[in-house]
């Protein structure tokens, strides 16, 4: 490790007994961060990031895991890019675009001379190929996002026109999504070794290491960091706070806090028969999984009780707003006392949960609760299971890997599901994707009826031209899911990055991940010929 031969150190550590392996893996934490080395090619800056979850796919139309999205964002570009600071779509591969007034036709004009990583020049036929690949495959999980595309025409090398079968005033926003990453048409898509146009090209991907090398011909200019390595390390029992302390033993790190968009929630396996098909039972769980009580019992400085996945709507009274009078989201459900009062307007308590349970179809069976692996979320569910026990609701907690849940298409015999959704900075687009991209954990849990309902609702929302009205309708849609007790938010959370003071312009972008294109190093004076390292803690 001292000789920077981390590859051999990893191989050795993986063969040793568990206790020794754990100790060595802790020592290997010092190898991560940004390292500058002088060699025959001059100075090479390498950013090393540890990760515990292996990459299953880097196909932008398939993945729903944020670690994979981080790599996709550095390899692929899209026609447009969302500017979170200005909250508008801006040019990327396309230098401009225009539409008909009715929102049924969109034309994009491409930059000249953009190179893919294998040397091919981007043209309009690559755009057509990318989206034909999606809409021609009925099983493609992102097909509902682009299902309104009726035809795609490459006018010339730099002009492509999309004709839609219905208005879509969010079409440029959809084109900024990771699902809309542009592929070259002359090579077959390899889901673990993709080719794009972004500032980094993938040069290695195996069970222990993924490597991104800077792409010198990137059309927006060379990135500063030469190489990014993502190392697949075994799960460590070492707490994050201890890891950060070990990385910065001599000085306080510069911390970057990022309030994540989205949040943690519970839903139900609606594909499986059971008491969860009964709204009264789902409201039992809604009563038991009280966000404020959970936060009071197990909360931390990085979490905050939430009653919505939309930041700014965390207060409970927002969910009491009545839906648009032109739509009837739900019929009142008869409560145990004979009133037609909404469950959300009743104070959450064990007594109310017990009363609802007696009116539900629950028959004292043991229900499986799938919880996303992780110390915090598993602790949440231990607390929840204790609450269930007090009203004779029997729960069996089953920690699971979200990658496997997507890969194996479902949650098996589990009845309840506790997970989270991480949004990017474009919250409106993230909500549309959560409800229509078929590989989100939320949609994997839904049955065909609810998938159809959500797709139809989102299809109507994108037809609305006014941005504020679109957001209002998405809020109403979330209210409907909460009132139906299909979406039970519990808390939002913050991630804290930490880095050495020499790393400059460290900014957290979409999905709470660093924007590598902005990162640069202010070298210490007199260190020009030395090998140096700059600790970084990135919560991947």
Protein backbone atom coordinates (compact mmCIF):
# COMPACT_ATOMS: atom_id res chain seq x y z
CA UNK A 1 0.00 0.00 0.00
CA UNK A 2 2.86 2.39 0.81
CA UNK A 3 4.25 1.69 -2.65
CA UNK A 4 0.90 2.59 -4.20
CA UNK A 5 0.41 -1.00 -5.43
CA UNK A 6 -3.17 -1.12 -4.20
CA UNK A 7 -4.15 -3.80 -6.71
CA UNK A 8 -1.81 -6.38 -5.13
CA UNK A 9 -2.73 -5.22 -1.62
CA UNK A 10 -6.40 -5.83 -2.39
CA UNK A 11 -5.67 -9.33 -3.73
CA UNK A 12 -3.68 -10.21 -0.61
CA UNK A 13 -6.27 -8.80 1.79
CA UNK A 14 -9.09 -10.78 0.15
CA UNK A 15 -7.29 -14.10 0.93
CA UNK A 16 -6.69 -13.45 4.63
CA UNK A 17 -8.84 -14.48 7.63
CA UNK A 18 -11.77 -12.19 8.42
CA UNK A 19 -10.20 -10.32 11.37
CA UNK A 20 -6.98 -9.57 9.51
CA UNK A 21 -8.92 -8.65 6.37
CA UNK A 22 -11.02 -6.18 8.35
CA UNK A 23 -7.89 -4.56 9.80
CA UNK A 24 -6.25 -4.27 6.39
CA UNK A 25 -9.38 -2.90 4.77
CA UNK A 26 -9.44 -0.20 7.43
CA UNK A 27 -5.82 0.65 6.59
CA UNK A 28 -6.74 0.79 2.92
CA UNK A 29 -9.06 3.71 3.69
CA UNK A 30 -5.90 5.85 3.68
CA UNK A 31 -5.40 5.02 0.02
CA UNK A 32 -8.63 6.73 -0.98
CA UNK A 33 -9.08 10.34 -1.92
CA UNK A 34 -7.13 12.27 -4.55
CA UNK A 35 -3.51 11.28 -5.13
CA UNK A 36 -0.99 13.17 -7.25
CA UNK A 37 1.94 11.17 -8.63
CA UNK A 38 4.85 12.28 -10.80
CA UNK A 39 5.86 9.88 -13.55
CA UNK A 40 7.10 9.59 -17.12
CA UNK A 41 3.91 11.22 -18.40
CA UNK A 42 4.14 14.06 -15.90
CA UNK A 43 1.80 14.60 -13.02
CA UNK A 44 -1.23 12.27 -12.81
CA UNK A 45 -4.12 13.10 -10.46
CA UNK A 46 -6.17 10.05 -9.47
CA UNK A 47 -9.39 10.12 -7.45
CA UNK A 48 -10.00 6.84 -5.59
CA UNK A 49 -13.47 6.12 -4.21
CA UNK A 50 -14.43 3.03 -2.15
CA UNK A 51 -17.80 1.39 -2.69
CA UNK A 52 -19.56 -1.65 -1.23
CA UNK A 53 -22.17 -2.29 -3.94
CA UNK A 54 -21.03 -3.85 -7.24
CA UNK A 55 -22.16 -2.40 -10.55
CA UNK A 56 -24.72 -4.62 -12.29
CA UNK A 57 -25.35 -2.44 -15.35
CA UNK A 58 -24.22 0.88 -16.80
CA UNK A 59 -26.91 0.87 -19.47
CA UNK A 60 -28.59 4.27 -18.92
CA UNK A 61 -32.01 2.85 -19.86
CA UNK A 62 -31.84 0.17 -17.16
CA UNK A 63 -30.21 1.39 -13.96
CA UNK A 64 -31.99 2.92 -10.97
CA UNK A 65 -29.02 2.79 -8.54
CA UNK A 66 -27.39 6.12 -7.76
CA UNK A 67 -23.83 4.72 -7.71
CA UNK A 68 -24.34 3.48 -11.27
CA UNK A 69 -25.96 6.80 -12.23
CA UNK A 70 -22.80 8.56 -10.98
CA UNK A 71 -20.69 6.61 -13.50
CA UNK A 72 -23.24 7.06 -16.29
CA UNK A 73 -23.18 10.82 -15.73
CA UNK A 74 -19.40 10.87 -16.29
CA UNK A 75 -19.49 8.63 -19.40
CA UNK A 76 -22.61 9.76 -21.29
CA UNK A 77 -23.99 13.09 -22.36
CA UNK A 78 -27.53 14.06 -23.34
CA UNK A 79 -29.08 16.47 -25.80
CA UNK A 80 -29.74 18.99 -23.03
CA UNK A 81 -28.50 19.54 -19.50
CA UNK A 82 -30.50 20.73 -16.49
CA UNK A 83 -29.07 23.77 -14.69
CA UNK A 84 -30.16 23.36 -11.06
CA UNK A 85 -29.11 26.89 -10.09
CA UNK A 86 -31.23 28.52 -12.80
CA UNK A 87 -33.82 25.70 -12.89
CA UNK A 88 -33.82 25.56 -16.70
CA UNK A 89 -32.68 23.16 -19.42
CA UNK A 90 -29.56 24.32 -21.26
CA UNK A 91 -27.70 23.17 -24.40
CA UNK A 92 -25.45 20.14 -24.24
CA UNK A 93 -25.03 17.88 -27.30
CA UNK A 94 -27.76 20.01 -28.85
CA UNK A 95 -26.82 23.66 -29.23
CA UNK A 96 -30.48 24.68 -29.65
CA UNK A 97 -34.01 23.28 -30.00
CA UNK A 98 -37.48 24.47 -30.91
CA UNK A 99 -41.03 23.17 -30.88
CA UNK A 100 -44.42 23.73 -32.47
CA UNK A 101 -46.87 25.68 -30.35
CA UNK A 102 -48.93 22.55 -29.67
CA UNK A 103 -45.97 20.69 -28.11
CA UNK A 104 -46.24 17.77 -30.56
CA UNK A 105 -43.06 18.38 -32.56
CA UNK A 106 -39.54 19.07 -31.27
CA UNK A 107 -36.43 19.74 -33.38
CA UNK A 108 -32.87 19.62 -31.99
CA UNK A 109 -29.76 21.11 -33.64
CA UNK A 110 -26.47 19.38 -32.76
CA UNK A 111 -23.00 20.76 -32.12
CA UNK A 112 -20.43 19.97 -34.81
CA UNK A 113 -17.50 17.59 -34.35
CA UNK A 114 -18.43 15.93 -31.05
CA UNK A 115 -16.46 12.69 -30.63
CA UNK A 116 -17.51 9.46 -28.99
CA UNK A 117 -14.82 7.77 -26.90
CA UNK A 118 -14.01 5.30 -29.73
CA UNK A 119 -13.46 8.13 -32.25
CA UNK A 120 -16.76 8.26 -34.12
CA UNK A 121 -18.27 11.72 -34.74
CA UNK A 122 -21.74 12.20 -33.27
CA UNK A 123 -24.54 12.81 -35.78
CA UNK A 124 -28.34 12.86 -35.93
CA UNK A 125 -28.52 9.14 -36.78
CA UNK A 126 -26.99 8.36 -33.35
CA UNK A 127 -29.84 10.31 -31.73
CA UNK A 128 -32.41 8.42 -33.78
CA UNK A 129 -30.72 5.09 -32.95
CA UNK A 130 -30.72 5.86 -29.20
CA UNK A 131 -34.45 6.49 -29.00
CA UNK A 132 -35.50 3.87 -31.55
CA UNK A 133 -33.74 1.37 -29.27
CA UNK A 134 -35.99 2.44 -26.38
CA UNK A 135 -39.38 2.76 -28.06
CA UNK A 136 -39.03 -0.42 -30.14
CA UNK A 137 -38.50 -2.56 -27.02
CA UNK A 138 -41.76 -2.97 -25.10
CA UNK A 139 -39.80 -4.36 -22.13
CA UNK A 140 -37.45 -1.39 -21.83
CA UNK A 141 -38.08 0.06 -18.34
CA UNK A 142 -37.85 3.67 -19.54
CA UNK A 143 -40.18 3.20 -22.52
CA UNK A 144 -43.13 4.86 -20.70
CA UNK A 145 -41.01 8.04 -20.41
CA UNK A 146 -40.73 8.27 -24.19
CA UNK A 147 -43.90 6.44 -25.19
CA UNK A 148 -45.38 9.57 -26.80
CA UNK A 149 -42.70 9.51 -29.55
CA UNK A 150 -44.44 8.62 -32.82
CA UNK A 151 -41.54 9.07 -35.21
CA UNK A 152 -37.92 10.28 -35.31
CA UNK A 153 -36.39 11.82 -38.41
CA UNK A 154 -32.74 12.72 -39.02
CA UNK A 155 -33.05 15.67 -41.44
CA UNK A 156 -29.30 15.92 -41.94
CA UNK A 157 -26.18 15.15 -39.93
CA UNK A 158 -26.90 17.84 -37.33
CA UNK A 159 -30.71 18.06 -37.20
CA UNK A 160 -33.17 15.59 -35.68
CA UNK A 161 -36.94 15.95 -35.34
CA UNK A 162 -39.25 14.13 -32.91
CA UNK A 163 -42.97 13.90 -33.73
CA UNK A 164 -45.19 13.00 -30.76
CA UNK A 165 -48.68 11.52 -30.64
CA UNK A 166 -49.76 14.00 -27.96
CA UNK A 167 -48.46 17.28 -26.51
CA UNK A 168 -45.48 17.04 -24.19
CA UNK A 169 -44.20 20.33 -22.82
CA UNK A 170 -41.66 18.52 -20.64
CA UNK A 171 -39.94 16.93 -23.63
CA UNK A 172 -36.62 18.85 -23.23
CA UNK A 173 -36.66 17.94 -19.52
CA UNK A 174 -37.04 14.26 -20.42
CA UNK A 175 -34.10 14.66 -22.79
CA UNK A 176 -31.97 15.77 -19.83
CA UNK A 177 -32.62 12.53 -17.91
CA UNK A 178 -29.97 9.81 -17.60
CA UNK A 179 -32.31 7.52 -19.56
CA UNK A 180 -31.83 9.84 -22.56
CA UNK A 181 -28.03 9.37 -22.66
CA UNK A 182 -26.87 9.20 -26.27
CA UNK A 183 -25.27 6.00 -27.61
CA UNK A 184 -23.21 5.45 -30.78
CA UNK A 185 -25.06 3.48 -33.44
CA UNK A 186 -22.00 1.68 -34.86
CA UNK A 187 -21.20 -0.52 -31.83
CA UNK A 188 -23.40 -2.84 -29.79
CA UNK A 189 -24.24 -1.54 -26.32
CA UNK A 190 -22.17 -3.35 -23.67
CA UNK A 191 -23.92 -2.72 -20.31
CA UNK A 192 -20.66 -2.97 -18.37
CA UNK A 193 -18.32 -1.27 -20.86
CA UNK A 194 -20.35 1.55 -22.41
CA UNK A 195 -19.14 4.21 -24.86
CA UNK A 196 -20.28 7.82 -24.61
CA UNK A 197 -19.13 11.40 -25.24
CA UNK A 198 -18.63 12.74 -21.69
CA UNK A 199 -15.29 13.86 -20.10
CA UNK A 200 -14.37 10.34 -18.90
CA UNK A 201 -14.14 7.06 -20.79
CA UNK A 202 -14.42 3.70 -19.09
CA UNK A 203 -11.22 1.64 -19.45
CA UNK A 204 -11.70 -1.07 -16.84
CA UNK A 205 -14.65 -2.73 -15.14
CA UNK A 206 -14.39 -5.96 -13.18
CA UNK A 207 -15.37 -7.40 -9.80
CA UNK A 208 -12.99 -5.20 -7.82
CA UNK A 209 -12.24 -2.07 -9.82
CA UNK A 210 -13.86 0.39 -12.22
CA UNK A 211 -11.57 2.90 -13.94
CA UNK A 212 -12.47 6.10 -15.75
CA UNK A 213 -9.74 7.89 -17.75
CA UNK A 214 -9.97 11.53 -18.79
CA UNK A 215 -11.19 11.96 -22.39
CA UNK A 216 -8.87 14.54 -23.92
CA UNK A 217 -11.19 15.27 -26.86
CA UNK A 218 -14.22 16.17 -24.74
CA UNK A 219 -15.97 18.99 -26.59
CA UNK A 220 -16.46 21.17 -23.50
CA UNK A 221 -12.82 20.98 -22.45
CA UNK A 222 -10.56 18.59 -20.55
CA UNK A 223 -11.42 17.65 -16.97
CA UNK A 224 -8.74 18.35 -14.33
CA UNK A 225 -8.68 14.94 -12.62
CA UNK A 226 -6.89 12.43 -14.88
CA UNK A 227 -8.27 9.17 -13.54
CA UNK A 228 -11.14 8.00 -11.34
CA UNK A 229 -10.99 4.59 -9.63
CA UNK A 230 -14.00 3.08 -7.87
CA UNK A 231 -12.89 0.16 -5.68
CA UNK A 232 -15.35 -2.53 -4.64
CA UNK A 233 -14.56 -3.17 -0.98
CA UNK A 234 -16.28 -5.64 1.37
CA UNK A 235 -18.81 -4.23 3.83
CA UNK A 236 -16.97 -2.78 6.80
CA UNK A 237 -18.27 -2.62 10.35
CA UNK A 238 -16.34 0.61 10.79
CA UNK A 239 -18.60 3.61 11.41
CA UNK A 240 -18.51 6.43 8.89
CA UNK A 241 -17.46 8.95 11.55
CA UNK A 242 -14.42 6.80 12.43
CA UNK A 243 -13.46 6.43 8.77
CA UNK A 244 -13.59 10.20 8.32
CA UNK A 245 -11.51 10.70 11.49
CA UNK A 246 -8.89 8.26 10.18
CA UNK A 247 -8.77 10.06 6.85
CA UNK A 248 -8.17 13.44 8.50
CA UNK A 249 -6.03 12.71 11.60
CA UNK A 250 -4.14 16.00 11.63
CA UNK A 251 -6.74 18.58 10.65
CA UNK A 252 -10.41 19.29 10.40
CA UNK A 253 -11.70 18.45 6.93
CA UNK A 254 -13.66 20.92 4.87
CA UNK A 255 -17.21 19.60 5.07
CA UNK A 256 -19.83 19.89 2.35
CA UNK A 257 -23.37 19.15 3.50
CA UNK A 258 -25.98 18.29 0.90
CA UNK A 259 -29.68 17.96 1.67
CA UNK A 260 -30.77 15.07 -0.50
CA UNK A 261 -33.85 15.41 -2.66
CA UNK A 262 -36.33 12.58 -2.08
CA UNK A 263 -36.40 10.56 1.11
CA UNK A 264 -37.09 7.31 2.96
CA UNK A 265 -40.54 5.73 2.79
CA UNK A 266 -42.56 2.54 3.18
CA UNK A 267 -44.75 0.96 0.53
CA UNK A 268 -46.35 -2.44 -0.06
CA UNK A 269 -45.92 -5.39 -2.39
CA UNK A 270 -49.10 -4.84 -4.37
CA UNK A 271 -48.25 -7.73 -6.72
CA UNK A 272 -48.86 -10.19 -3.89
CA UNK A 273 -52.18 -11.19 -2.36
CA UNK A 274 -52.47 -10.37 1.31
CA UNK A 275 -53.80 -7.85 3.81
CA UNK A 276 -51.82 -5.08 2.09
CA UNK A 277 -54.48 -5.07 -0.63
CA UNK A 278 -56.84 -3.67 2.02
CA UNK A 279 -56.57 0.10 2.46
CA UNK A 280 -57.56 -0.23 6.14
CA UNK A 281 -54.56 -2.47 6.74
CA UNK A 282 -52.25 -0.09 4.89
CA UNK A 283 -53.53 2.65 7.19
CA UNK A 284 -52.66 0.52 10.19
CA UNK A 285 -49.06 0.66 9.00
CA UNK A 286 -49.44 4.37 8.29
CA UNK A 287 -50.51 4.92 11.89
CA UNK A 288 -47.69 2.79 13.32
CA UNK A 289 -44.95 4.28 11.15
CA UNK A 290 -45.37 7.79 12.46
CA UNK A 291 -42.64 10.04 11.08
CA UNK A 292 -42.40 12.36 14.09
CA UNK A 293 -42.36 9.50 16.62
CA UNK A 294 -39.75 7.62 14.58
CA UNK A 295 -37.63 10.75 14.36
CA UNK A 296 -37.97 11.38 18.10
CA UNK A 297 -36.96 7.80 18.92
CA UNK A 298 -34.18 7.23 16.38
CA UNK A 299 -33.53 10.49 14.58
CA UNK A 300 -30.09 11.96 13.99
CA UNK A 301 -28.63 15.32 13.04
CA UNK A 302 -28.65 14.18 9.41
CA UNK A 303 -32.35 13.24 9.25
CA UNK A 304 -35.60 15.15 9.54
CA UNK A 305 -39.14 13.81 9.82
CA UNK A 306 -40.99 14.26 6.52
CA UNK A 307 -44.50 13.72 5.24
CA UNK A 308 -43.61 14.16 1.57
CA UNK A 309 -40.74 13.28 -0.77
CA UNK A 310 -40.79 16.85 -2.09
CA UNK A 311 -38.49 19.17 -0.19
CA UNK A 312 -40.43 22.09 1.26
CA UNK A 313 -43.55 19.99 1.83
CA UNK A 314 -42.26 18.22 4.94
CA UNK A 315 -44.90 19.69 7.25
CA UNK A 316 -47.88 17.45 7.87
CA UNK A 317 -50.51 20.13 7.29
CA UNK A 318 -49.51 20.39 3.63
CA UNK A 319 -50.89 16.90 3.08
CA UNK A 320 -54.26 17.99 4.40
CA UNK A 321 -54.78 20.24 1.39
CA UNK A 322 -57.79 19.18 -0.61
CA UNK A 323 -57.09 17.85 -4.11
CA UNK A 324 -58.15 19.63 -7.24
CA UNK A 325 -61.94 19.68 -7.32
CA UNK A 326 -61.97 18.50 -10.91
CA UNK A 327 -60.61 15.12 -9.83
CA UNK A 328 -61.74 12.66 -7.20
CA UNK A 329 -58.55 11.03 -5.93
CA UNK A 330 -60.24 8.73 -3.41
CA UNK A 331 -63.46 7.77 -1.74
CA UNK A 332 -63.57 8.24 2.06
CA UNK A 333 -62.91 4.99 3.87
CA UNK A 334 -65.21 4.02 6.72
CA UNK A 335 -63.42 4.29 10.04
CA UNK A 336 -64.04 2.02 13.05
CA UNK A 337 -66.25 4.64 14.72
CA UNK A 338 -68.49 4.81 11.65
CA UNK A 339 -67.27 8.19 10.38
CA UNK A 340 -65.92 8.80 6.89
CA UNK A 341 -62.94 10.72 8.21
CA UNK A 342 -59.62 10.46 6.38
CA UNK A 343 -57.02 8.41 8.23
CA UNK A 344 -54.58 11.28 7.80
CA UNK A 345 -56.77 13.54 9.91
CA UNK A 346 -56.76 11.14 12.86
CA UNK A 347 -53.95 11.51 15.39
CA UNK A 348 -51.52 8.64 14.95
CA UNK A 349 -51.58 6.27 17.94
CA UNK A 350 -51.35 2.62 18.81
CA UNK A 351 -55.05 2.73 19.76
CA UNK A 352 -56.10 3.95 16.34
CA UNK A 353 -53.83 1.38 14.68
CA UNK A 354 -55.35 -1.41 16.78
CA UNK A 355 -58.89 -0.28 15.91
CA UNK A 356 -58.08 -0.17 12.21
CA UNK A 357 -56.43 -3.58 12.43
CA UNK A 358 -59.65 -5.11 13.76
CA UNK A 359 -61.50 -3.74 10.73
CA UNK A 360 -58.92 -4.97 8.24
CA UNK A 361 -58.47 -8.31 6.50
CA UNK A 362 -55.38 -9.16 8.57
CA UNK A 363 -55.64 -12.68 10.02
CA UNK A 364 -52.66 -12.83 12.40
CA UNK A 365 -50.30 -14.23 9.80
CA UNK A 366 -46.58 -13.36 9.85
CA UNK A 367 -45.83 -10.71 7.22
CA UNK A 368 -42.45 -10.28 5.54
CA UNK A 369 -40.92 -6.80 5.71
CA UNK A 370 -38.20 -6.12 3.11
CA UNK A 371 -35.85 -3.37 4.31
CA UNK A 372 -32.99 -1.91 2.32
CA UNK A 373 -29.72 -3.06 3.88
CA UNK A 374 -28.08 -0.50 6.13
CA UNK A 375 -27.66 0.18 9.84
CA UNK A 376 -30.04 3.16 10.03
CA UNK A 377 -32.92 1.69 8.04
CA UNK A 378 -32.69 -1.68 9.77
CA UNK A 379 -32.81 0.10 13.15
CA UNK A 380 -35.93 1.95 11.96
CA UNK A 381 -37.64 -1.35 11.24
CA UNK A 382 -36.68 -2.91 14.57
CA UNK A 383 -38.46 0.06 16.19
CA UNK A 384 -41.43 -0.41 13.84
CA UNK A 385 -41.63 -4.17 14.54
CA UNK A 386 -41.79 -3.46 18.27
CA UNK A 387 -44.72 -1.12 17.63
CA UNK A 388 -46.42 -3.84 15.57
CA UNK A 389 -45.95 -6.39 18.35
CA UNK A 390 -47.88 -4.16 20.76
CA UNK A 391 -51.07 -4.56 18.67
CA UNK A 392 -50.44 -8.23 17.74
CA UNK A 393 -49.28 -7.51 14.19
CA UNK A 394 -46.56 -10.03 13.38
CA UNK A 395 -43.61 -8.85 11.29
CA UNK A 396 -40.50 -10.67 10.07
CA UNK A 397 -37.72 -8.26 9.04
CA UNK A 398 -35.79 -9.32 5.91
CA UNK A 399 -32.86 -7.02 4.93
CA UNK A 400 -32.26 -6.98 1.18
CA UNK A 401 -30.03 -5.57 -1.53
CA UNK A 402 -31.90 -3.08 -3.78
CA UNK A 403 -29.73 -4.09 -6.76
CA UNK A 404 -30.96 -7.67 -6.41
CA UNK A 405 -34.55 -6.47 -6.01
CA UNK A 406 -34.31 -4.75 -9.40
CA UNK A 407 -32.28 -7.52 -11.02
CA UNK A 408 -34.63 -10.27 -9.82
CA UNK A 409 -37.74 -8.23 -10.62
CA UNK A 410 -39.47 -8.10 -7.30
CA UNK A 411 -39.59 -8.55 -3.56
CA UNK A 412 -40.51 -12.23 -3.48
CA UNK A 413 -42.76 -13.19 -0.60
CA UNK A 414 -42.36 -9.88 1.27
CA UNK A 415 -45.50 -7.86 2.00
CA UNK A 416 -44.11 -4.54 3.25
CA UNK A 417 -41.17 -2.65 1.72
CA UNK A 418 -39.01 0.00 3.42
CA UNK A 419 -36.65 1.82 1.10
CA UNK A 420 -35.86 5.30 -0.21
CA UNK A 421 -35.76 7.35 -3.37
CA UNK A 422 -32.89 9.71 -4.19
CA UNK A 423 -33.85 12.48 -6.62
CA UNK A 424 -31.56 14.60 -8.72
CA UNK A 425 -31.79 18.39 -8.68
CA UNK A 426 -34.67 18.37 -11.18
CA UNK A 427 -37.37 17.35 -8.71
CA UNK A 428 -40.25 17.48 -11.17
CA UNK A 429 -38.45 15.14 -13.57
CA UNK A 430 -37.44 12.88 -10.68
CA UNK A 431 -41.08 12.49 -9.62
CA UNK A 432 -42.13 11.67 -13.20
CA UNK A 433 -39.38 9.05 -13.35
CA UNK A 434 -40.29 7.56 -9.97
CA UNK A 435 -43.84 7.00 -11.23
CA UNK A 436 -43.01 5.82 -14.78
CA UNK A 437 -39.48 4.35 -14.94
CA UNK A 438 -40.21 0.67 -14.41
CA UNK A 439 -36.98 -0.12 -12.51
CA UNK A 440 -37.64 2.16 -9.54
CA UNK A 441 -38.25 0.14 -6.37
CA UNK A 442 -41.59 1.90 -5.92
CA UNK A 443 -42.91 0.73 -9.29
CA UNK A 444 -41.45 -2.76 -8.89
CA UNK A 445 -43.72 -3.05 -5.85
CA UNK A 446 -46.84 -1.83 -7.69
CA UNK A 447 -49.36 -4.02 -9.53
CA UNK A 448 -50.49 -3.41 -13.12
CA UNK A 449 -53.45 -1.29 -12.01
CA UNK A 450 -51.32 1.22 -10.14
CA UNK A 451 -48.61 1.25 -12.83
CA UNK A 452 -51.28 2.14 -15.38
CA UNK A 453 -52.81 4.78 -13.08
CA UNK A 454 -49.45 6.46 -12.52
CA UNK A 455 -48.43 6.35 -16.19
CA UNK A 456 -51.76 7.88 -17.23
CA UNK A 457 -51.52 10.59 -14.57
CA UNK A 458 -47.97 11.53 -15.61
CA UNK A 459 -49.02 11.48 -19.27
CA UNK A 460 -51.61 14.16 -18.46
CA UNK A 461 -49.16 16.19 -16.39
CA UNK A 462 -46.53 16.54 -19.16
CA UNK A 463 -49.26 17.92 -21.45
CA UNK A 464 -49.58 20.98 -19.17
CA UNK A 465 -47.63 23.97 -20.44
CA UNK A 466 -47.47 26.00 -17.22
CA UNK A 467 -44.65 24.81 -14.95
CA UNK A 468 -46.39 25.79 -11.69
CA UNK A 469 -49.55 23.94 -12.68
CA UNK A 470 -47.50 20.81 -13.53
CA UNK A 471 -45.93 20.90 -10.08
CA UNK A 472 -49.33 21.35 -8.43
CA UNK A 473 -50.60 18.26 -10.24
CA UNK A 474 -47.57 16.23 -9.14
CA UNK A 475 -48.26 17.32 -5.55
CA UNK A 476 -51.86 16.17 -5.95
CA UNK A 477 -50.63 12.84 -7.29
CA UNK A 478 -48.36 12.38 -4.29
CA UNK A 479 -51.26 13.32 -2.00
CA UNK A 480 -53.34 10.62 -3.63
CA UNK A 481 -50.68 7.97 -2.98
CA UNK A 482 -50.32 9.09 0.64
CA UNK A 483 -54.07 9.14 1.19
CA UNK A 484 -54.32 5.67 -0.30
CA UNK A 485 -51.50 4.69 2.10
CA UNK A 486 -49.35 3.42 -0.77
CA UNK A 487 -46.56 5.91 -0.07
CA UNK A 488 -45.61 6.45 3.59
CA UNK A 489 -42.74 8.98 3.83
CA UNK A 490 -40.73 8.92 7.06
CA UNK A 491 -37.77 11.28 6.76
CA UNK A 492 -35.45 13.22 4.52
CA UNK A 493 -31.70 13.13 5.07
CA UNK A 494 -28.43 14.92 4.46
CA UNK A 495 -25.14 13.52 3.21
CA UNK A 496 -21.88 14.99 4.42
CA UNK A 497 -18.84 14.97 2.17
CA UNK A 498 -15.43 15.82 3.59
CA UNK A 499 -12.30 16.80 1.70
CA UNK A 500 -8.84 18.23 2.12
CA UNK A 501 -8.61 22.02 1.92
CA UNK A 502 -6.40 21.77 -1.20
CA UNK A 503 -9.29 20.38 -3.26
CA UNK A 504 -11.08 23.36 -4.76
CA UNK A 505 -14.51 23.90 -6.35
CA UNK A 506 -15.81 20.73 -4.69
CA UNK A 507 -19.50 20.88 -5.49
CA UNK A 508 -22.20 18.32 -4.86
CA UNK A 509 -24.38 17.82 -7.93
CA UNK A 510 -27.41 15.64 -8.70
CA UNK A 511 -28.03 12.54 -6.55
CA UNK A 512 -25.69 13.99 -3.90
CA UNK A 513 -22.51 13.15 -5.85
CA UNK A 514 -19.51 15.38 -6.61
CA UNK A 515 -19.23 17.17 -9.95
CA UNK A 516 -15.83 15.89 -11.09
CA UNK A 517 -15.58 18.36 -13.97
CA UNK A 518 -15.21 21.27 -11.53
CA UNK A 519 -12.78 19.66 -9.09
CA UNK A 520 -9.16 20.86 -9.09
CA UNK A 521 -6.16 20.82 -6.75
CA UNK A 522 -4.32 23.79 -5.31
CA UNK A 523 -0.89 22.27 -4.83
CA UNK A 524 1.27 23.05 -1.83
CA UNK A 525 4.19 25.32 -2.64
CA UNK A 526 7.36 23.30 -3.08
CA UNK A 527 5.44 20.06 -3.75
CA UNK A 528 5.84 20.14 -7.53
CA UNK A 529 8.10 17.06 -7.65
CA UNK A 530 6.56 15.15 -4.74
CA UNK A 531 3.90 12.46 -4.66
CA UNK A 532 1.09 13.87 -2.55
CA UNK A 533 -2.35 12.79 -1.38
CA UNK A 534 -5.49 14.72 -0.49
CA UNK A 535 -8.09 12.86 1.60
CA UNK A 536 -11.69 12.85 0.37
CA UNK A 537 -14.74 11.21 1.91
CA UNK A 538 -17.48 10.62 -0.69
CA UNK A 539 -20.59 8.76 0.58
CA UNK A 540 -21.28 6.65 -2.51
